[in-house]
Amino acid sequence: MHPFNYVAPLTVKEAIDILEKHGDRARPLAGGTDLLVQARGNKWDLDAVVDVKKIPEAMQLDVSNNGLTIGAGVPCYQIYDHEKIKSDYPGIVDGAFIIGGIQIQSRAAIGGNLCNAAPSGDAICPLIVYGATANIAGPSGNRDVSVEDFCVGPGKTVLKNGELLVSISVPDPPSGFGAAYERFIPRNEMDIAVAAVAVSVTLDNSGTNFESVRIALASVGPTPIFATKASNSLQGKPINERSISEAATIAKDESSPISDMRGTIEHRKQLIEVITKRMINKAIKRARG
């Protein structure tokens, strides 16, 4: 591993200046549980690692009537230990609780999981179905990007030279809303998903019809997939086994997995169909309280 400088800026501007100066030879560090492993494996040839944990905006964790703000450096355990987040954002907790093993969750951060841009990232699909936004700062100013558009390839994001993910904004869920996330892994923990699905539903006032639905898939494409066709297929539909099964089949068709050591294309597609049904039903149950 090439020696690099560790820098812990105190402001967003200071971090941006360092990232812009070093270009591809600098990387932000949220938790470091992916970055440092990759650096040891020579994936990155770095001059500087920029730790965001001393930047107040990157460590903000706030829940209000306007929604949820998660700083890029906030560790997972703070999310799943937060009573209000557990109550109002259980789908996000589903993902945060299983990122890595319990031993590293005091370091691992949802912001880091997003910026790592792995197709299997457990934080990403829950953020997509909650309609979350990535808040980015850079040399040219600030910009917001929907999380479903943030990852552009395996390990690749929309971040440009000098840009930094500062925080993630999640809108306040409307009434009749529920969300859930589940992955399939060969072992009970500390493994990468073979396939995973997040679902959010908003039910109408009667609680018998879908008002809107968002479905996202992990580990079955080069990036996490916002399954728009499957999501739209349920809009305005009655809640019954037929409509749910049809959406699950469409989600399976929207997936584009590969065969590797963890599973075949056929196995992954079957898993997507099964887990999608399960998560739609779980989201409905949560929406109904």
C-alpha atoms as a PDB file:
ATOM      1  CA  MET A   1       0.000   0.000   0.000  1.00  0.00           C
ATOM      2  CA  HIS A   2       1.344   3.408  -1.020  1.00  0.00           C
ATOM      3  CA  PRO A   3       1.852   5.713   2.033  1.00  0.00           C
ATOM      4  CA  PHE A   4      -0.696   8.522   2.235  1.00  0.00           C
ATOM      5  CA  ASN A   5      -1.465  11.526   4.419  1.00  0.00           C
ATOM      6  CA  TYR A   6      -4.394  11.411   6.823  1.00  0.00           C
ATOM      7  CA  VAL A   7      -6.251  14.729   6.948  1.00  0.00           C
ATOM      8  CA  ALA A   8      -9.191  15.618   9.212  1.00  0.00           C
ATOM      9  CA  PRO A   9     -10.610  18.969   8.039  1.00  0.00           C
ATOM     10  CA  LEU A  10     -12.987  20.919  10.259  1.00  0.00           C
ATOM     11  CA  THR A  11     -15.142  22.449   7.511  1.00  0.00           C
ATOM     12  CA  VAL A  12     -16.749  21.384   4.256  1.00  0.00           C
ATOM     13  CA  LYS A  13     -14.758  24.020   2.352  1.00  0.00           C
ATOM     14  CA  GLU A  14     -11.462  22.756   3.737  1.00  0.00           C
ATOM     15  CA  ALA A  15     -12.357  19.198   2.692  1.00  0.00           C
ATOM     16  CA  ILE A  16     -13.325  20.337  -0.803  1.00  0.00           C
ATOM     17  CA  ASP A  17     -10.059  22.244  -1.215  1.00  0.00           C
ATOM     18  CA  ILE A  18      -8.032  19.154  -0.304  1.00  0.00           C
ATOM     19  CA  LEU A  19     -10.059  16.870  -2.569  1.00  0.00           C
ATOM     20  CA  GLU A  20      -9.798  19.304  -5.481  1.00  0.00           C
ATOM     21  CA  LYS A  21      -6.044  19.702  -5.008  1.00  0.00           C
ATOM     22  CA  HIS A  22      -5.303  15.974  -5.058  1.00  0.00           C
ATOM     23  CA  GLY A  23      -7.947  14.880  -7.571  1.00  0.00           C
ATOM     24  CA  ASP A  24      -8.119  11.099  -8.036  1.00  0.00           C
ATOM     25  CA  ARG A  25      -5.345  10.657  -5.482  1.00  0.00           C
ATOM     26  CA  ALA A  26      -7.569  11.700  -2.570  1.00  0.00           C
ATOM     27  CA  ARG A  27     -10.648   9.982  -1.168  1.00  0.00           C
ATOM     28  CA  PRO A  28     -13.100  11.003   1.546  1.00  0.00           C
ATOM     29  CA  LEU A  29     -13.276   8.701   4.563  1.00  0.00           C
ATOM     30  CA  ALA A  30     -16.630   8.316   6.293  1.00  0.00           C
ATOM     31  CA  GLY A  31     -16.102   5.120   8.259  1.00  0.00           C
ATOM     32  CA  GLY A  32     -13.196   3.620   6.350  1.00  0.00           C
ATOM     33  CA  THR A  33     -14.493   0.062   6.518  1.00  0.00           C
ATOM     34  CA  ASP A  34     -14.437  -0.209   2.716  1.00  0.00           C
ATOM     35  CA  LEU A  35     -11.879   2.450   1.774  1.00  0.00           C
ATOM     36  CA  LEU A  36      -8.999   1.203   3.916  1.00  0.00           C
ATOM     37  CA  VAL A  37      -9.485  -2.402   2.818  1.00  0.00           C
ATOM     38  CA  GLN A  38      -9.458  -1.249  -0.799  1.00  0.00           C
ATOM     39  CA  ALA A  39      -6.348   0.880  -0.233  1.00  0.00           C
ATOM     40  CA  ARG A  40      -4.525  -2.105   1.249  1.00  0.00           C
ATOM     41  CA  GLY A  41      -5.553  -4.079  -1.820  1.00  0.00           C
ATOM     42  CA  ASN A  42      -4.095  -1.345  -4.056  1.00  0.00           C
ATOM     43  CA  LYS A  43      -7.438  -0.438  -5.611  1.00  0.00           C
ATOM     44  CA  TRP A  44      -6.574   3.195  -4.866  1.00  0.00           C
ATOM     45  CA  ASP A  45      -3.165   4.856  -5.135  1.00  0.00           C
ATOM     46  CA  LEU A  46      -3.715   7.699  -2.687  1.00  0.00           C
ATOM     47  CA  ASP A  47      -1.832  10.753  -1.516  1.00  0.00           C
ATOM     48  CA  ALA A  48      -4.507  11.786   0.992  1.00  0.00           C
ATOM     49  CA  VAL A  49      -7.399  10.307   2.943  1.00  0.00           C
ATOM     50  CA  VAL A  50      -9.857  13.009   4.017  1.00  0.00           C
ATOM     51  CA  ASP A  51     -11.733  12.083   7.195  1.00  0.00           C
ATOM     52  CA  VAL A  52     -15.128  13.827   7.350  1.00  0.00           C
ATOM     53  CA  LYS A  53     -15.897  12.958  10.974  1.00  0.00           C
ATOM     54  CA  LYS A  54     -14.795  16.345  12.342  1.00  0.00           C
ATOM     55  CA  ILE A  55     -17.060  18.266   9.962  1.00  0.00           C
ATOM     56  CA  PRO A  56     -20.299  19.161  11.817  1.00  0.00           C
ATOM     57  CA  GLU A  57     -22.545  18.893   8.747  1.00  0.00           C
ATOM     58  CA  ALA A  58     -21.188  15.417   7.987  1.00  0.00           C
ATOM     59  CA  MET A  59     -21.979  14.213  11.518  1.00  0.00           C
ATOM     60  CA  GLN A  60     -25.487  15.668  11.753  1.00  0.00           C
ATOM     61  CA  LEU A  61     -28.328  13.299  12.607  1.00  0.00           C
ATOM     62  CA  ASP A  62     -31.632  15.117  12.833  1.00  0.00           C
ATOM     63  CA  VAL A  63     -35.282  14.054  12.707  1.00  0.00           C
ATOM     64  CA  SER A  64     -37.997  16.683  12.378  1.00  0.00           C
ATOM     65  CA  ASN A  65     -41.345  17.277  10.712  1.00  0.00           C
ATOM     66  CA  ASN A  66     -39.371  18.109   7.565  1.00  0.00           C
ATOM     67  CA  GLY A  67     -37.774  14.662   7.451  1.00  0.00           C
ATOM     68  CA  LEU A  68     -34.514  12.954   8.333  1.00  0.00           C
ATOM     69  CA  THR A  69     -30.984  14.275   7.759  1.00  0.00           C
ATOM     70  CA  ILE A  70     -28.108  11.797   7.959  1.00  0.00           C
ATOM     71  CA  GLY A  71     -24.591  13.199   7.803  1.00  0.00           C
ATOM     72  CA  ALA A  72     -22.246  11.277   5.519  1.00  0.00           C
ATOM     73  CA  GLY A  73     -20.067  10.240   8.455  1.00  0.00           C
ATOM     74  CA  VAL A  74     -22.795   9.147  10.877  1.00  0.00           C
ATOM     75  CA  PRO A  75     -22.113   5.541  11.936  1.00  0.00           C
ATOM     76  CA  CYS A  76     -24.769   2.881  11.469  1.00  0.00           C
ATOM     77  CA  TYR A  77     -25.320   2.176  15.148  1.00  0.00           C
ATOM     78  CA  GLN A  78     -26.495   5.750  15.769  1.00  0.00           C
ATOM     79  CA  ILE A  79     -29.241   5.183  13.215  1.00  0.00           C
ATOM     80  CA  TYR A  80     -30.577   1.877  14.486  1.00  0.00           C
ATOM     81  CA  ASP A  81     -30.257   2.968  18.134  1.00  0.00           C
ATOM     82  CA  HIS A  82     -32.310   6.139  17.516  1.00  0.00           C
ATOM     83  CA  GLU A  83     -35.870   5.592  18.776  1.00  0.00           C
ATOM     84  CA  LYS A  84     -37.496   8.150  16.464  1.00  0.00           C
ATOM     85  CA  ILE A  85     -35.717   6.760  13.402  1.00  0.00           C
ATOM     86  CA  LYS A  86     -36.691   3.215  14.360  1.00  0.00           C
ATOM     87  CA  SER A  87     -40.294   4.358  14.670  1.00  0.00           C
ATOM     88  CA  ASP A  88     -40.568   6.546  11.565  1.00  0.00           C
ATOM     89  CA  TYR A  89     -37.949   5.065   9.195  1.00  0.00           C
ATOM     90  CA  PRO A  90     -37.848   1.296   9.859  1.00  0.00           C
ATOM     91  CA  GLY A  91     -36.870   0.490   6.271  1.00  0.00           C
ATOM     92  CA  ILE A  92     -33.679   2.527   6.641  1.00  0.00           C
ATOM     93  CA  VAL A  93     -32.987   0.786   9.943  1.00  0.00           C
ATOM     94  CA  ASP A  94     -33.392  -2.577   8.160  1.00  0.00           C
ATOM     95  CA  GLY A  95     -30.409  -1.685   5.978  1.00  0.00           C
ATOM     96  CA  ALA A  96     -28.262   0.073   8.575  1.00  0.00           C
ATOM     97  CA  PHE A  97     -28.523  -2.840  10.988  1.00  0.00           C
ATOM     98  CA  ILE A  98     -26.885  -5.317   8.603  1.00  0.00           C
ATOM     99  CA  ILE A  99     -24.072  -3.266   7.062  1.00  0.00           C
ATOM    100  CA  GLY A 100     -20.999  -5.290   7.981  1.00  0.00           C
ATOM    101  CA  GLY A 101     -20.761  -7.060  11.318  1.00  0.00           C
ATOM    102  CA  ILE A 102     -21.562  -5.674  14.736  1.00  0.00           C
ATOM    103  CA  GLN A 103     -17.843  -5.223  15.416  1.00  0.00           C
ATOM    104  CA  ILE A 104     -17.459  -2.473  12.806  1.00  0.00           C
ATOM    105  CA  GLN A 105     -20.802  -0.685  13.038  1.00  0.00           C
ATOM    106  CA  SER A 106     -19.363   1.993  15.282  1.00  0.00           C
ATOM    107  CA  ARG A 107     -17.354   3.022  12.189  1.00  0.00           C
ATOM    108  CA  ALA A 108     -19.344   1.948   9.130  1.00  0.00           C
ATOM    109  CA  ALA A 109     -21.476   4.809   7.783  1.00  0.00           C
ATOM    110  CA  ILE A 110     -24.477   4.943   5.465  1.00  0.00           C
ATOM    111  CA  GLY A 111     -22.762   7.765   3.560  1.00  0.00           C
ATOM    112  CA  GLY A 112     -19.731   5.574   3.014  1.00  0.00           C
ATOM    113  CA  ASN A 113     -21.919   2.677   1.907  1.00  0.00           C
ATOM    114  CA  LEU A 114     -23.547   4.952  -0.665  1.00  0.00           C
ATOM    115  CA  CYS A 115     -20.250   6.362  -1.955  1.00  0.00           C
ATOM    116  CA  ASN A 116     -18.734   2.885  -2.204  1.00  0.00           C
ATOM    117  CA  ALA A 117     -21.438   2.319  -4.839  1.00  0.00           C
ATOM    118  CA  ALA A 118     -21.412  -1.466  -4.598  1.00  0.00           C
ATOM    119  CA  PRO A 119     -24.412  -3.062  -6.355  1.00  0.00           C
ATOM    120  CA  SER A 120     -24.996  -4.923  -3.082  1.00  0.00           C
ATOM    121  CA  GLY A 121     -24.841  -1.875  -0.785  1.00  0.00           C
ATOM    122  CA  ASP A 122     -27.398  -2.442   1.974  1.00  0.00           C
ATOM    123  CA  ALA A 123     -28.071   1.253   2.621  1.00  0.00           C
ATOM    124  CA  ILE A 124     -28.784   2.256  -0.953  1.00  0.00           C
ATOM    125  CA  CYS A 125     -32.068   0.541  -1.838  1.00  0.00           C
ATOM    126  CA  PRO A 126     -33.808   1.643   1.375  1.00  0.00           C
ATOM    127  CA  LEU A 127     -32.754   5.229   0.646  1.00  0.00           C
ATOM    128  CA  ILE A 128     -34.115   4.919  -2.897  1.00  0.00           C
ATOM    129  CA  VAL A 129     -37.560   3.751  -1.797  1.00  0.00           C
ATOM    130  CA  TYR A 130     -37.762   6.552   0.781  1.00  0.00           C
ATOM    131  CA  GLY A 131     -37.083   9.073  -2.016  1.00  0.00           C
ATOM    132  CA  ALA A 132     -33.839  10.248  -0.412  1.00  0.00           C
ATOM    133  CA  THR A 133     -31.536  12.915  -1.822  1.00  0.00           C
ATOM    134  CA  ALA A 134     -27.737  13.102  -1.688  1.00  0.00           C
ATOM    135  CA  ASN A 135     -26.538  16.571  -0.646  1.00  0.00           C
ATOM    136  CA  ILE A 136     -23.254  17.291  -2.437  1.00  0.00           C
ATOM    137  CA  ALA A 137     -20.808  20.171  -1.994  1.00  0.00           C
ATOM    138  CA  GLY A 138     -18.003  21.008  -4.401  1.00  0.00           C
ATOM    139  CA  PRO A 139     -15.815  23.734  -5.890  1.00  0.00           C
ATOM    140  CA  SER A 140     -18.718  24.955  -8.037  1.00  0.00           C
ATOM    141  CA  GLY A 141     -21.222  25.029  -5.192  1.00  0.00           C
ATOM    142  CA  ASN A 142     -23.852  22.709  -3.796  1.00  0.00           C
ATOM    143  CA  ARG A 143     -26.158  20.350  -5.646  1.00  0.00           C
ATOM    144  CA  ASP A 144     -28.694  17.666  -4.791  1.00  0.00           C
ATOM    145  CA  VAL A 145     -28.963  14.298  -6.547  1.00  0.00           C
ATOM    146  CA  SER A 146     -31.657  11.680  -6.063  1.00  0.00           C
ATOM    147  CA  VAL A 147     -30.115   8.569  -4.545  1.00  0.00           C
ATOM    148  CA  GLU A 148     -31.421   6.418  -7.410  1.00  0.00           C
ATOM    149  CA  ASP A 149     -29.206   8.494  -9.747  1.00  0.00           C
ATOM    150  CA  PHE A 150     -26.136   8.643  -7.482  1.00  0.00           C
ATOM    151  CA  CYS A 151     -24.473   5.345  -8.457  1.00  0.00           C
ATOM    152  CA  VAL A 152     -23.498   5.120 -12.123  1.00  0.00           C
ATOM    153  CA  GLY A 153     -21.507   1.866 -12.155  1.00  0.00           C
ATOM    154  CA  PRO A 154     -19.804  -0.600  -9.835  1.00  0.00           C
ATOM    155  CA  GLY A 155     -17.801   1.596  -7.456  1.00  0.00           C
ATOM    156  CA  LYS A 156     -18.644   4.719  -9.465  1.00  0.00           C
ATOM    157  CA  THR A 157     -20.797   7.706  -8.510  1.00  0.00           C
ATOM    158  CA  VAL A 158     -21.822  11.092  -9.876  1.00  0.00           C
ATOM    159  CA  LEU A 159     -19.255  12.832  -7.644  1.00  0.00           C
ATOM    160  CA  LYS A 160     -16.878  15.035  -9.638  1.00  0.00           C
ATOM    161  CA  ASN A 161     -13.352  16.149  -8.798  1.00  0.00           C
ATOM    162  CA  GLY A 162     -13.382  17.997  -5.475  1.00  0.00           C
ATOM    163  CA  GLU A 163     -16.974  17.092  -4.632  1.00  0.00           C
ATOM    164  CA  LEU A 164     -18.022  15.647  -1.296  1.00  0.00           C
ATOM    165  CA  LEU A 165     -21.168  13.909  -0.119  1.00  0.00           C
ATOM    166  CA  VAL A 166     -22.072  15.976   2.941  1.00  0.00           C
ATOM    167  CA  SER A 167     -25.387  14.448   3.993  1.00  0.00           C
ATOM    168  CA  ILE A 168     -28.473  12.561   2.916  1.00  0.00           C
ATOM    169  CA  SER A 169     -31.973  14.038   3.180  1.00  0.00           C
ATOM    170  CA  VAL A 170     -35.008  11.785   3.552  1.00  0.00           C
ATOM    171  CA  PRO A 171     -38.487  13.317   3.292  1.00  0.00           C
ATOM    172  CA  ASP A 172     -40.989  12.894   6.101  1.00  0.00           C
ATOM    173  CA  PRO A 173     -43.095   9.811   5.253  1.00  0.00           C
ATOM    174  CA  PRO A 174     -46.756  10.591   4.501  1.00  0.00           C
ATOM    175  CA  SER A 175     -49.644   8.914   6.287  1.00  0.00           C
ATOM    176  CA  GLY A 176     -50.306   5.395   5.069  1.00  0.00           C
ATOM    177  CA  PHE A 177     -46.599   4.845   4.361  1.00  0.00           C
ATOM    178  CA  GLY A 178     -44.569   1.733   5.108  1.00  0.00           C
ATOM    179  CA  ALA A 179     -41.200   0.423   3.950  1.00  0.00           C
ATOM    180  CA  ALA A 180     -39.031  -2.663   4.370  1.00  0.00           C
ATOM    181  CA  TYR A 181     -35.731  -4.129   3.164  1.00  0.00           C
ATOM    182  CA  GLU A 182     -34.418  -7.674   3.100  1.00  0.00           C
ATOM    183  CA  ARG A 183     -31.459  -9.460   1.548  1.00  0.00           C
ATOM    184  CA  PHE A 184     -30.625 -13.093   0.923  1.00  0.00           C
ATOM    185  CA  ILE A 185     -27.156 -14.181   2.027  1.00  0.00           C
ATOM    186  CA  PRO A 186     -25.620 -17.655   2.396  1.00  0.00           C
ATOM    187  CA  ARG A 187     -24.556 -16.911   5.981  1.00  0.00           C
ATOM    188  CA  ASN A 188     -26.347 -15.136   8.810  1.00  0.00           C
ATOM    189  CA  GLU A 189     -24.111 -12.057   8.786  1.00  0.00           C
ATOM    190  CA  MET A 190     -20.950 -10.433   7.397  1.00  0.00           C
ATOM    191  CA  ASP A 191     -21.715 -11.492   3.840  1.00  0.00           C
ATOM    192  CA  ILE A 192     -22.639  -9.796   0.584  1.00  0.00           C
ATOM    193  CA  ALA A 193     -26.208 -10.078  -0.663  1.00  0.00           C
ATOM    194  CA  VAL A 194     -26.960 -12.579  -3.412  1.00  0.00           C
ATOM    195  CA  ALA A 195     -30.111 -10.546  -4.017  1.00  0.00           C
ATOM    196  CA  ALA A 196     -31.977  -7.907  -2.020  1.00  0.00           C
ATOM    197  CA  VAL A 197     -35.136  -5.828  -2.296  1.00  0.00           C
ATOM    198  CA  ALA A 198     -36.456  -2.662  -0.664  1.00  0.00           C
ATOM    199  CA  VAL A 199     -40.086  -1.622  -1.012  1.00  0.00           C
ATOM    200  CA  SER A 200     -42.082   1.377   0.131  1.00  0.00           C
ATOM    201  CA  VAL A 201     -45.831   1.712  -0.202  1.00  0.00           C
ATOM    202  CA  THR A 202     -48.259   4.536   0.389  1.00  0.00           C
ATOM    203  CA  LEU A 203     -51.821   3.323   0.840  1.00  0.00           C
ATOM    204  CA  ASP A 204     -54.978   5.310   0.152  1.00  0.00           C
ATOM    205  CA  ASN A 205     -57.279   6.433   2.945  1.00  0.00           C
ATOM    206  CA  SER A 206     -59.212   3.173   2.855  1.00  0.00           C
ATOM    207  CA  GLY A 207     -56.032   1.150   3.287  1.00  0.00           C
ATOM    208  CA  THR A 208     -57.159  -1.229   0.540  1.00  0.00           C
ATOM    209  CA  ASN A 209     -55.431   0.275  -2.502  1.00  0.00           C
ATOM    210  CA  PHE A 210     -51.910   1.290  -3.417  1.00  0.00           C
ATOM    211  CA  GLU A 211     -51.531   5.029  -3.869  1.00  0.00           C
ATOM    212  CA  SER A 212     -47.840   4.825  -4.785  1.00  0.00           C
ATOM    213  CA  VAL A 213     -45.060   2.242  -4.577  1.00  0.00           C
ATOM    214  CA  ARG A 214     -41.273   2.312  -4.919  1.00  0.00           C
ATOM    215  CA  ILE A 215     -39.275  -0.894  -5.416  1.00  0.00           C
ATOM    216  CA  ALA A 216     -35.477  -1.092  -5.516  1.00  0.00           C
ATOM    217  CA  LEU A 217     -33.239  -4.096  -6.178  1.00  0.00           C
ATOM    218  CA  ALA A 218     -29.677  -4.833  -5.051  1.00  0.00           C
ATOM    219  CA  SER A 219     -27.022  -7.290  -6.257  1.00  0.00           C
ATOM    220  CA  VAL A 220     -28.803  -7.895  -9.560  1.00  0.00           C
ATOM    221  CA  GLY A 221     -27.207  -5.263 -11.798  1.00  0.00           C
ATOM    222  CA  PRO A 222     -24.140  -3.045 -12.118  1.00  0.00           C
ATOM    223  CA  THR A 223     -25.805  -0.587  -9.726  1.00  0.00           C
ATOM    224  CA  PRO A 224     -28.737  -0.763  -7.329  1.00  0.00           C
ATOM    225  CA  ILE A 225     -31.850  -0.659  -9.517  1.00  0.00           C
ATOM    226  CA  PHE A 226     -34.909   1.533  -9.058  1.00  0.00           C
ATOM    227  CA  ALA A 227     -37.488  -0.842 -10.551  1.00  0.00           C
ATOM    228  CA  THR A 228     -39.785   1.770 -12.060  1.00  0.00           C
ATOM    229  CA  LYS A 229     -41.938  -0.620 -14.102  1.00  0.00           C
ATOM    230  CA  ALA A 230     -42.672  -2.822 -11.119  1.00  0.00           C
ATOM    231  CA  SER A 231     -43.287   0.250  -8.962  1.00  0.00           C
ATOM    232  CA  ASN A 232     -45.665   1.867 -11.446  1.00  0.00           C
ATOM    233  CA  SER A 233     -47.548  -1.388 -12.014  1.00  0.00           C
ATOM    234  CA  LEU A 234     -49.054  -1.135  -8.525  1.00  0.00           C
ATOM    235  CA  GLN A 235     -50.095   2.512  -8.599  1.00  0.00           C
ATOM    236  CA  GLY A 236     -53.836   2.726  -7.954  1.00  0.00           C
ATOM    237  CA  LYS A 237     -54.193  -1.054  -7.838  1.00  0.00           C
ATOM    238  CA  PRO A 238     -56.129  -2.932  -5.161  1.00  0.00           C
ATOM    239  CA  ILE A 239     -54.081  -4.753  -2.560  1.00  0.00           C
ATOM    240  CA  ASN A 240     -54.415  -8.424  -3.405  1.00  0.00           C
ATOM    241  CA  GLU A 241     -52.286 -11.444  -4.223  1.00  0.00           C
ATOM    242  CA  ARG A 242     -52.678 -10.973  -7.962  1.00  0.00           C
ATOM    243  CA  SER A 243     -51.428  -7.377  -8.119  1.00  0.00           C
ATOM    244  CA  ILE A 244     -48.532  -8.163  -5.772  1.00  0.00           C
ATOM    245  CA  SER A 245     -47.505 -11.252  -7.753  1.00  0.00           C
ATOM    246  CA  GLU A 246     -47.629  -9.323 -11.029  1.00  0.00           C
ATOM    247  CA  ALA A 247     -45.375  -6.607  -9.612  1.00  0.00           C
ATOM    248  CA  ALA A 248     -42.922  -9.203  -8.313  1.00  0.00           C
ATOM    249  CA  THR A 249     -42.726 -10.805 -11.754  1.00  0.00           C
ATOM    250  CA  ILE A 250     -42.066  -7.420 -13.360  1.00  0.00           C
ATOM    251  CA  ALA A 251     -39.340  -6.723 -10.774  1.00  0.00           C
ATOM    252  CA  LYS A 252     -37.728 -10.050 -11.647  1.00  0.00           C
ATOM    253  CA  ASP A 253     -37.740  -9.038 -15.317  1.00  0.00           C
ATOM    254  CA  GLU A 254     -36.211  -5.630 -14.495  1.00  0.00           C
ATOM    255  CA  SER A 255     -33.260  -7.269 -12.763  1.00  0.00           C
ATOM    256  CA  SER A 256     -30.111  -7.966 -14.783  1.00  0.00           C
ATOM    257  CA  PRO A 257     -27.919 -10.186 -12.610  1.00  0.00           C
ATOM    258  CA  ILE A 258     -24.790 -12.098 -13.489  1.00  0.00           C
ATOM    259  CA  SER A 259     -23.712 -15.590 -12.480  1.00  0.00           C
ATOM    260  CA  ASP A 260     -20.813 -15.691 -10.039  1.00  0.00           C
ATOM    261  CA  MET A 261     -19.589 -17.608  -7.006  1.00  0.00           C
ATOM    262  CA  ARG A 262     -22.566 -16.404  -4.948  1.00  0.00           C
ATOM    263  CA  GLY A 263     -25.343 -17.405  -7.301  1.00  0.00           C
ATOM    264  CA  THR A 264     -26.565 -17.948 -10.836  1.00  0.00           C
ATOM    265  CA  ILE A 265     -28.663 -15.598 -12.933  1.00  0.00           C
ATOM    266  CA  GLU A 266     -31.662 -17.908 -12.570  1.00  0.00           C
ATOM    267  CA  HIS A 267     -31.285 -18.170  -8.799  1.00  0.00           C
ATOM    268  CA  ARG A 268     -30.994 -14.422  -8.364  1.00  0.00           C
ATOM    269  CA  LYS A 269     -34.042 -13.721 -10.513  1.00  0.00           C
ATOM    270  CA  GLN A 270     -36.076 -16.229  -8.530  1.00  0.00           C
ATOM    271  CA  LEU A 271     -34.921 -14.603  -5.298  1.00  0.00           C
ATOM    272  CA  ILE A 272     -35.951 -11.153  -6.540  1.00  0.00           C
ATOM    273  CA  GLU A 273     -39.465 -12.387  -7.263  1.00  0.00           C
ATOM    274  CA  VAL A 274     -39.812 -14.094  -3.871  1.00  0.00           C
ATOM    275  CA  ILE A 275     -38.289 -11.269  -1.810  1.00  0.00           C
ATOM    276  CA  THR A 276     -40.273  -8.590  -3.664  1.00  0.00           C
ATOM    277  CA  LYS A 277     -43.548 -10.279  -2.714  1.00  0.00           C
ATOM    278  CA  ARG A 278     -42.379 -10.600   0.870  1.00  0.00           C
ATOM    279  CA  MET A 279     -41.271  -6.971   1.131  1.00  0.00           C
ATOM    280  CA  ILE A 280     -44.455  -5.601  -0.437  1.00  0.00           C
ATOM    281  CA  ASN A 281     -46.470  -7.478   2.165  1.00  0.00           C
ATOM    282  CA  LYS A 282     -44.167  -6.367   4.978  1.00  0.00           C
ATOM    283  CA  ALA A 283     -44.363  -2.737   3.836  1.00  0.00           C
ATOM    284  CA  ILE A 284     -48.171  -2.996   3.741  1.00  0.00           C
ATOM    285  CA  LYS A 285     -48.186  -4.373   7.278  1.00  0.00           C
ATOM    286  CA  ARG A 286     -46.014  -1.507   8.497  1.00  0.00           C
ATOM    287  CA  ALA A 287     -48.174   1.050   6.665  1.00  0.00           C
ATOM    288  CA  ARG A 288     -51.248  -0.267   8.427  1.00  0.00           C
ATOM    289  CA  GLY A 289     -49.479  -0.090  11.777  1.00  0.00           C
END
